[in-house]
Amino acid sequence: MVVGRALAVVVLNDWIGWYPTAVPGWPELLRTSSFNNIILFILVTGRAHAVVYLQAARSAEARFTASRLDALTSQLQPHFGP
């Protein structure tokens, strides 16, 4: 993936213009591509964790709301079971 991104920069730079002057050497391209891949990985992983956490929080909130409703219902009708 790192090499593929660096190769894409070399091939597509004239058309897209990532670097206004000459394209840097392979070591710099590989270093930059590695850094970009790490940042992208962190962003995607963070987003995935946020989605999973949100789903868990919504589920816990729904369970809490249901149990609270049950408690309030039993307080309103202490002698009459559901």
PDB file of N, CA and C in Angstrom:
ATOM      1  N   MET A   1       0.822  -1.187   0.000  1.00  0.00           N
ATOM      2  CA  MET A   1       0.000   0.000   0.000  1.00  0.00           C
ATOM      3  C   MET A   1       0.867   1.251   0.000  1.00  0.00           C
ATOM      4  N   VAL A   2       1.905   1.244   0.794  1.00  0.00           N
ATOM      5  CA  VAL A   2       2.800   2.394   0.874  1.00  0.00           C
ATOM      6  C   VAL A   2       3.487   2.613  -0.463  1.00  0.00           C
ATOM      7  N   VAL A   3       3.996   1.539  -1.033  1.00  0.00           N
ATOM      8  CA  VAL A   3       4.690   1.646  -2.320  1.00  0.00           C
ATOM      9  C   VAL A   3       3.700   2.044  -3.409  1.00  0.00           C
ATOM     10  N   GLY A   4       2.485   1.521  -3.362  1.00  0.00           N
ATOM     11  CA  GLY A   4       1.473   1.867  -4.350  1.00  0.00           C
ATOM     12  C   GLY A   4       1.124   3.348  -4.317  1.00  0.00           C
ATOM     13  N   ARG A   5       1.000   3.918  -3.126  1.00  0.00           N
ATOM     14  CA  ARG A   5       0.720   5.349  -3.014  1.00  0.00           C
ATOM     15  C   ARG A   5       1.899   6.178  -3.522  1.00  0.00           C
ATOM     16  N   ALA A   6       3.112   5.770  -3.179  1.00  0.00           N
ATOM     17  CA  ALA A   6       4.284   6.500  -3.659  1.00  0.00           C
ATOM     18  C   ALA A   6       4.376   6.428  -5.179  1.00  0.00           C
ATOM     19  N   LEU A   7       4.096   5.271  -5.738  1.00  0.00           N
ATOM     20  CA  LEU A   7       4.106   5.121  -7.192  1.00  0.00           C
ATOM     21  C   LEU A   7       3.022   5.981  -7.836  1.00  0.00           C
ATOM     22  N   ALA A   8       1.852   6.062  -7.211  1.00  0.00           N
ATOM     23  CA  ALA A   8       0.784   6.910  -7.730  1.00  0.00           C
ATOM     24  C   ALA A   8       1.200   8.377  -7.744  1.00  0.00           C
ATOM     25  N   VAL A   9       1.924   8.812  -6.724  1.00  0.00           N
ATOM     26  CA  VAL A   9       2.404  10.192  -6.684  1.00  0.00           C
ATOM     27  C   VAL A   9       3.361  10.444  -7.844  1.00  0.00           C
ATOM     28  N   VAL A  10       4.269   9.516  -8.082  1.00  0.00           N
ATOM     29  CA  VAL A  10       5.237   9.684  -9.171  1.00  0.00           C
ATOM     30  C   VAL A  10       4.522   9.728 -10.521  1.00  0.00           C
ATOM     31  N   VAL A  11       3.583   8.829 -10.729  1.00  0.00           N
ATOM     32  CA  VAL A  11       2.907   8.729 -12.023  1.00  0.00           C
ATOM     33  C   VAL A  11       1.927   9.885 -12.239  1.00  0.00           C
ATOM     34  N   LEU A  12       1.174  10.256 -11.215  1.00  0.00           N
ATOM     35  CA  LEU A  12       0.088  11.223 -11.373  1.00  0.00           C
ATOM     36  C   LEU A  12       0.442  12.659 -11.004  1.00  0.00           C
ATOM     37  N   ASN A  13       1.648  12.920 -10.549  1.00  0.00           N
ATOM     38  CA  ASN A  13       1.993  14.263 -10.091  1.00  0.00           C
ATOM     39  C   ASN A  13       1.863  15.307 -11.189  1.00  0.00           C
ATOM     40  N   ASP A  14       2.263  15.003 -12.408  1.00  0.00           N
ATOM     41  CA  ASP A  14       2.153  15.984 -13.488  1.00  0.00           C
ATOM     42  C   ASP A  14       0.695  16.350 -13.754  1.00  0.00           C
ATOM     43  N   TRP A  15      -0.207  15.403 -13.618  1.00  0.00           N
ATOM     44  CA  TRP A  15      -1.614  15.637 -13.897  1.00  0.00           C
ATOM     45  C   TRP A  15      -2.325  16.314 -12.720  1.00  0.00           C
ATOM     46  N   ILE A  16      -2.047  15.848 -11.480  1.00  0.00           N
ATOM     47  CA  ILE A  16      -2.744  16.359 -10.305  1.00  0.00           C
ATOM     48  C   ILE A  16      -1.998  17.518  -9.660  1.00  0.00           C
ATOM     49  N   GLY A  17      -0.697  17.445  -9.621  1.00  0.00           N
ATOM     50  CA  GLY A  17       0.099  18.541  -9.075  1.00  0.00           C
ATOM     51  C   GLY A  17       0.253  18.543  -7.571  1.00  0.00           C
ATOM     52  N   TRP A  18       0.483  17.381  -6.987  1.00  0.00           N
ATOM     53  CA  TRP A  18       0.719  17.334  -5.543  1.00  0.00           C
ATOM     54  C   TRP A  18       1.962  18.129  -5.163  1.00  0.00           C
ATOM     55  N   TYR A  19       2.994  18.007  -5.964  1.00  0.00           N
ATOM     56  CA  TYR A  19       4.234  18.735  -5.735  1.00  0.00           C
ATOM     57  C   TYR A  19       4.402  19.732  -6.880  1.00  0.00           C
ATOM     58  N   PRO A  20       4.469  21.037  -6.577  1.00  0.00           N
ATOM     59  CA  PRO A  20       4.572  22.018  -7.656  1.00  0.00           C
ATOM     60  C   PRO A  20       5.914  21.952  -8.402  1.00  0.00           C
ATOM     61  N   THR A  21       6.946  21.543  -7.715  1.00  0.00           N
ATOM     62  CA  THR A  21       8.262  21.391  -8.360  1.00  0.00           C
ATOM     63  C   THR A  21       8.499  19.911  -8.605  1.00  0.00           C
ATOM     64  N   ALA A  22       9.726  19.520  -8.636  1.00  0.00           N
ATOM     65  CA  ALA A  22      10.062  18.116  -8.899  1.00  0.00           C
ATOM     66  C   ALA A  22       9.583  17.225  -7.757  1.00  0.00           C
ATOM     67  N   VAL A  23       9.224  15.999  -8.105  1.00  0.00           N
ATOM     68  CA  VAL A  23       8.811  15.006  -7.109  1.00  0.00           C
ATOM     69  C   VAL A  23      10.036  14.618  -6.296  1.00  0.00           C
ATOM     70  N   PRO A  24       9.903  14.558  -4.956  1.00  0.00           N
ATOM     71  CA  PRO A  24      11.058  14.165  -4.130  1.00  0.00           C
ATOM     72  C   PRO A  24      11.474  12.723  -4.403  1.00  0.00           C
ATOM     73  N   GLY A  25      12.593  12.333  -3.857  1.00  0.00           N
ATOM     74  CA  GLY A  25      13.115  10.984  -4.060  1.00  0.00           C
ATOM     75  C   GLY A  25      12.265   9.928  -3.374  1.00  0.00           C
ATOM     76  N   TRP A  26      12.563   8.673  -3.712  1.00  0.00           N
ATOM     77  CA  TRP A  26      11.791   7.546  -3.177  1.00  0.00           C
ATOM     78  C   TRP A  26      11.789   7.477  -1.655  1.00  0.00           C
ATOM     79  N   PRO A  27      12.933   7.725  -0.988  1.00  0.00           N
ATOM     80  CA  PRO A  27      12.874   7.656   0.492  1.00  0.00           C
ATOM     81  C   PRO A  27      11.868   8.642   1.086  1.00  0.00           C
ATOM     82  N   GLU A  28      11.857   9.869   0.558  1.00  0.00           N
ATOM     83  CA  GLU A  28      10.907  10.864   1.060  1.00  0.00           C
ATOM     84  C   GLU A  28       9.467  10.487   0.709  1.00  0.00           C
ATOM     85  N   LEU A  29       9.241   9.972  -0.484  1.00  0.00           N
ATOM     86  CA  LEU A  29       7.900   9.550  -0.884  1.00  0.00           C
ATOM     87  C   LEU A  29       7.408   8.395  -0.012  1.00  0.00           C
ATOM     88  N   LEU A  30       8.275   7.431   0.257  1.00  0.00           N
ATOM     89  CA  LEU A  30       7.879   6.294   1.092  1.00  0.00           C
ATOM     90  C   LEU A  30       7.606   6.731   2.533  1.00  0.00           C
ATOM     91  N   ARG A  31       8.420   7.666   3.027  1.00  0.00           N
ATOM     92  CA  ARG A  31       8.218   8.174   4.384  1.00  0.00           C
ATOM     93  C   ARG A  31       6.884   8.926   4.466  1.00  0.00           C
ATOM     94  N   THR A  32       6.621   9.778   3.499  1.00  0.00           N
ATOM     95  CA  THR A  32       5.368  10.529   3.479  1.00  0.00           C
ATOM     96  C   THR A  32       4.165   9.597   3.312  1.00  0.00           C
ATOM     97  N   SER A  33       4.290   8.613   2.434  1.00  0.00           N
ATOM     98  CA  SER A  33       3.203   7.664   2.223  1.00  0.00           C
ATOM     99  C   SER A  33       2.942   6.849   3.491  1.00  0.00           C
ATOM    100  N   SER A  34       3.993   6.445   4.173  1.00  0.00           N
ATOM    101  CA  SER A  34       3.826   5.706   5.439  1.00  0.00           C
ATOM    102  C   SER A  34       3.114   6.564   6.473  1.00  0.00           C
ATOM    103  N   PHE A  35       3.537   7.813   6.581  1.00  0.00           N
ATOM    104  CA  PHE A  35       2.907   8.726   7.539  1.00  0.00           C
ATOM    105  C   PHE A  35       1.423   8.902   7.204  1.00  0.00           C
ATOM    106  N   ASN A  36       1.104   9.103   5.931  1.00  0.00           N
ATOM    107  CA  ASN A  36      -0.289   9.266   5.522  1.00  0.00           C
ATOM    108  C   ASN A  36      -1.110   8.013   5.813  1.00  0.00           C
ATOM    109  N   ASN A  37      -0.521   6.840   5.601  1.00  0.00           N
ATOM    110  CA  ASN A  37      -1.228   5.591   5.893  1.00  0.00           C
ATOM    111  C   ASN A  37      -1.491   5.442   7.393  1.00  0.00           C
ATOM    112  N   ILE A  38      -0.540   5.833   8.207  1.00  0.00           N
ATOM    113  CA  ILE A  38      -0.720   5.753   9.660  1.00  0.00           C
ATOM    114  C   ILE A  38      -1.837   6.688  10.105  1.00  0.00           C
ATOM    115  N   ILE A  39      -1.826   7.918   9.582  1.00  0.00           N
ATOM    116  CA  ILE A  39      -2.874   8.878   9.933  1.00  0.00           C
ATOM    117  C   ILE A  39      -4.243   8.362   9.488  1.00  0.00           C
ATOM    118  N   LEU A  40      -4.318   7.839   8.273  1.00  0.00           N
ATOM    119  CA  LEU A  40      -5.575   7.298   7.765  1.00  0.00           C
ATOM    120  C   LEU A  40      -6.055   6.127   8.627  1.00  0.00           C
ATOM    121  N   PHE A  41      -5.137   5.252   9.026  1.00  0.00           N
ATOM    122  CA  PHE A  41      -5.484   4.124   9.891  1.00  0.00           C
ATOM    123  C   PHE A  41      -6.051   4.610  11.221  1.00  0.00           C
ATOM    124  N   ILE A  42      -5.411   5.621  11.807  1.00  0.00           N
ATOM    125  CA  ILE A  42      -5.876   6.160  13.087  1.00  0.00           C
ATOM    126  C   ILE A  42      -7.270   6.758  12.935  1.00  0.00           C
ATOM    127  N   LEU A  43      -7.495   7.492  11.846  1.00  0.00           N
ATOM    128  CA  LEU A  43      -8.800   8.103  11.631  1.00  0.00           C
ATOM    129  C   LEU A  43      -9.896   7.056  11.429  1.00  0.00           C
ATOM    130  N   VAL A  44      -9.624   6.054  10.619  1.00  0.00           N
ATOM    131  CA  VAL A  44     -10.632   5.021  10.349  1.00  0.00           C
ATOM    132  C   VAL A  44     -10.901   4.199  11.605  1.00  0.00           C
ATOM    133  N   THR A  45      -9.846   3.845  12.329  1.00  0.00           N
ATOM    134  CA  THR A  45     -10.018   3.073  13.558  1.00  0.00           C
ATOM    135  C   THR A  45     -10.767   3.879  14.615  1.00  0.00           C
ATOM    136  N   GLY A  46     -10.436   5.152  14.739  1.00  0.00           N
ATOM    137  CA  GLY A  46     -11.140   6.013  15.689  1.00  0.00           C
ATOM    138  C   GLY A  46     -12.612   6.146  15.352  1.00  0.00           C
ATOM    139  N   ARG A  47     -12.902   6.280  14.077  1.00  0.00           N
ATOM    140  CA  ARG A  47     -14.306   6.375  13.646  1.00  0.00           C
ATOM    141  C   ARG A  47     -15.053   5.069  13.950  1.00  0.00           C
ATOM    142  N   ALA A  48     -14.412   3.935  13.687  1.00  0.00           N
ATOM    143  CA  ALA A  48     -15.048   2.646  13.959  1.00  0.00           C
ATOM    144  C   ALA A  48     -15.314   2.483  15.460  1.00  0.00           C
ATOM    145  N   HIS A  49     -14.352   2.871  16.283  1.00  0.00           N
ATOM    146  CA  HIS A  49     -14.552   2.787  17.731  1.00  0.00           C
ATOM    147  C   HIS A  49     -15.679   3.710  18.179  1.00  0.00           C
ATOM    148  N   ALA A  50     -15.761   4.884  17.591  1.00  0.00           N
ATOM    149  CA  ALA A  50     -16.825   5.820  17.949  1.00  0.00           C
ATOM    150  C   ALA A  50     -18.192   5.252  17.595  1.00  0.00           C
ATOM    151  N   VAL A  51     -18.306   4.605  16.443  1.00  0.00           N
ATOM    152  CA  VAL A  51     -19.583   4.012  16.037  1.00  0.00           C
ATOM    153  C   VAL A  51     -19.969   2.877  16.985  1.00  0.00           C
ATOM    154  N   VAL A  52     -19.019   2.021  17.312  1.00  0.00           N
ATOM    155  CA  VAL A  52     -19.299   0.904  18.231  1.00  0.00           C
ATOM    156  C   VAL A  52     -19.683   1.438  19.613  1.00  0.00           C
ATOM    157  N   TYR A  53     -18.968   2.449  20.094  1.00  0.00           N
ATOM    158  CA  TYR A  53     -19.283   3.033  21.399  1.00  0.00           C
ATOM    159  C   TYR A  53     -20.672   3.661  21.388  1.00  0.00           C
ATOM    160  N   LEU A  54     -21.010   4.360  20.308  1.00  0.00           N
ATOM    161  CA  LEU A  54     -22.327   4.983  20.199  1.00  0.00           C
ATOM    162  C   LEU A  54     -23.428   3.936  20.234  1.00  0.00           C
ATOM    163  N   GLN A  55     -23.245   2.830  19.526  1.00  0.00           N
ATOM    164  CA  GLN A  55     -24.248   1.760  19.534  1.00  0.00           C
ATOM    165  C   GLN A  55     -24.392   1.170  20.935  1.00  0.00           C
ATOM    166  N   ALA A  56     -23.278   0.956  21.618  1.00  0.00           N
ATOM    167  CA  ALA A  56     -23.336   0.407  22.976  1.00  0.00           C
ATOM    168  C   ALA A  56     -24.003   1.388  23.933  1.00  0.00           C
ATOM    169  N   ALA A  57     -23.698   2.666  23.778  1.00  0.00           N
ATOM    170  CA  ALA A  57     -24.300   3.674  24.656  1.00  0.00           C
ATOM    171  C   ALA A  57     -25.798   3.774  24.423  1.00  0.00           C
ATOM    172  N   ARG A  58     -26.226   3.722  23.166  1.00  0.00           N
ATOM    173  CA  ARG A  58     -27.663   3.767  22.878  1.00  0.00           C
ATOM    174  C   ARG A  58     -28.378   2.538  23.435  1.00  0.00           C
ATOM    175  N   SER A  59     -27.756   1.386  23.321  1.00  0.00           N
ATOM    176  CA  SER A  59     -28.343   0.168  23.847  1.00  0.00           C
ATOM    177  C   SER A  59     -28.462   0.240  25.372  1.00  0.00           C
ATOM    178  N   ALA A  60     -27.423   0.715  26.028  1.00  0.00           N
ATOM    179  CA  ALA A  60     -27.458   0.840  27.487  1.00  0.00           C
ATOM    180  C   ALA A  60     -28.508   1.861  27.911  1.00  0.00           C
ATOM    181  N   GLU A  61     -28.620   2.946  27.161  1.00  0.00           N
ATOM    182  CA  GLU A  61     -29.619   3.959  27.486  1.00  0.00           C
ATOM    183  C   GLU A  61     -31.039   3.403  27.316  1.00  0.00           C
ATOM    184  N   ALA A  62     -31.245   2.599  26.285  1.00  0.00           N
ATOM    185  CA  ALA A  62     -32.570   1.992  26.072  1.00  0.00           C
ATOM    186  C   ALA A  62     -32.914   1.030  27.208  1.00  0.00           C
ATOM    187  N   ARG A  63     -31.930   0.231  27.641  1.00  0.00           N
ATOM    188  CA  ARG A  63     -32.170  -0.690  28.759  1.00  0.00           C
ATOM    189  C   ARG A  63     -32.468   0.084  30.045  1.00  0.00           C
ATOM    190  N   PHE A  64     -31.721   1.151  30.264  1.00  0.00           N
ATOM    191  CA  PHE A  64     -31.940   1.973  31.460  1.00  0.00           C
ATOM    192  C   PHE A  64     -33.326   2.601  31.435  1.00  0.00           C
ATOM    193  N   THR A  65     -33.715   3.120  30.276  1.00  0.00           N
ATOM    194  CA  THR A  65     -35.038   3.737  30.153  1.00  0.00           C
ATOM    195  C   THR A  65     -36.148   2.719  30.390  1.00  0.00           C
ATOM    196  N   ALA A  66     -35.989   1.516  29.850  1.00  0.00           N
ATOM    197  CA  ALA A  66     -36.999   0.470  30.047  1.00  0.00           C
ATOM    198  C   ALA A  66     -37.087   0.074  31.512  1.00  0.00           C
ATOM    199  N   SER A  67     -35.956  -0.069  32.181  1.00  0.00           N
ATOM    200  CA  SER A  67     -35.986  -0.461  33.601  1.00  0.00           C
ATOM    201  C   SER A  67     -36.563   0.660  34.455  1.00  0.00           C
ATOM    202  N   ARG A  68     -36.293   1.894  34.099  1.00  0.00           N
ATOM    203  CA  ARG A  68     -36.859   3.019  34.841  1.00  0.00           C
ATOM    204  C   ARG A  68     -38.374   3.079  34.649  1.00  0.00           C
ATOM    205  N   LEU A  69     -38.826   2.836  33.423  1.00  0.00           N
ATOM    206  CA  LEU A  69     -40.262   2.798  33.164  1.00  0.00           C
ATOM    207  C   LEU A  69     -40.929   1.682  33.961  1.00  0.00           C
ATOM    208  N   ASP A  70     -40.284   0.522  34.023  1.00  0.00           N
ATOM    209  CA  ASP A  70     -40.830  -0.584  34.817  1.00  0.00           C
ATOM    210  C   ASP A  70     -40.923  -0.197  36.294  1.00  0.00           C
ATOM    211  N   ALA A  71     -39.895   0.480  36.798  1.00  0.00           N
ATOM    212  CA  ALA A  71     -39.896   0.889  38.205  1.00  0.00           C
ATOM    213  C   ALA A  71     -41.008   1.903  38.470  1.00  0.00           C
ATOM    214  N   LEU A  72     -41.169   2.855  37.579  1.00  0.00           N
ATOM    215  CA  LEU A  72     -42.240   3.844  37.762  1.00  0.00           C
ATOM    216  C   LEU A  72     -43.621   3.208  37.653  1.00  0.00           C
ATOM    217  N   THR A  73     -43.769   2.260  36.734  1.00  0.00           N
ATOM    218  CA  THR A  73     -45.044   1.562  36.590  1.00  0.00           C
ATOM    219  C   THR A  73     -45.372   0.788  37.867  1.00  0.00           C
ATOM    220  N   SER A  74     -44.385   0.137  38.434  1.00  0.00           N
ATOM    221  CA  SER A  74     -44.639  -0.624  39.669  1.00  0.00           C
ATOM    222  C   SER A  74     -44.931   0.302  40.845  1.00  0.00           C
ATOM    223  N   GLN A  75     -44.409   1.522  40.840  1.00  0.00           N
ATOM    224  CA  GLN A  75     -44.728   2.480  41.902  1.00  0.00           C
ATOM    225  C   GLN A  75     -46.155   2.989  41.772  1.00  0.00           C
ATOM    226  N   LEU A  76     -46.603   3.147  40.501  1.00  0.00           N
ATOM    227  CA  LEU A  76     -47.953   3.639  40.290  1.00  0.00           C
ATOM    228  C   LEU A  76     -49.007   2.576  40.600  1.00  0.00           C
ATOM    229  N   GLN A  77     -48.683   1.330  40.331  1.00  0.00           N
ATOM    230  CA  GLN A  77     -49.619   0.231  40.538  1.00  0.00           C
ATOM    231  C   GLN A  77     -48.975  -0.835  41.427  1.00  0.00           C
ATOM    232  N   PRO A  78     -48.808  -0.546  42.712  1.00  0.00           N
ATOM    233  CA  PRO A  78     -48.096  -1.477  43.568  1.00  0.00           C
ATOM    234  C   PRO A  78     -48.850  -2.783  43.833  1.00  0.00           C
ATOM    235  N   HIS A  79     -50.175  -2.760  43.801  1.00  0.00           N
ATOM    236  CA  HIS A  79     -50.934  -3.929  44.151  1.00  0.00           C
ATOM    237  C   HIS A  79     -51.454  -4.699  42.942  1.00  0.00           C
ATOM    238  N   PHE A  80     -51.276  -4.141  41.803  1.00  0.00           N
ATOM    239  CA  PHE A  80     -51.794  -4.791  40.597  1.00  0.00           C
ATOM    240  C   PHE A  80     -50.634  -5.114  39.678  1.00  0.00           C
ATOM    241  N   GLY A  81     -50.334  -6.364  39.526  1.00  0.00           N
ATOM    242  CA  GLY A  81     -49.224  -6.797  38.666  1.00  0.00           C
ATOM    243  C   GLY A  81     -49.521  -6.575  37.201  1.00  0.00           C
ATOM    244  N   PRO A  82     -48.516  -6.528  36.382  1.00  0.00           N
ATOM    245  CA  PRO A  82     -48.731  -6.305  34.956  1.00  0.00           C
ATOM    246  C   PRO A  82     -49.367  -7.498  34.271  1.00  0.00           C
TER     247      PRO A  82
END
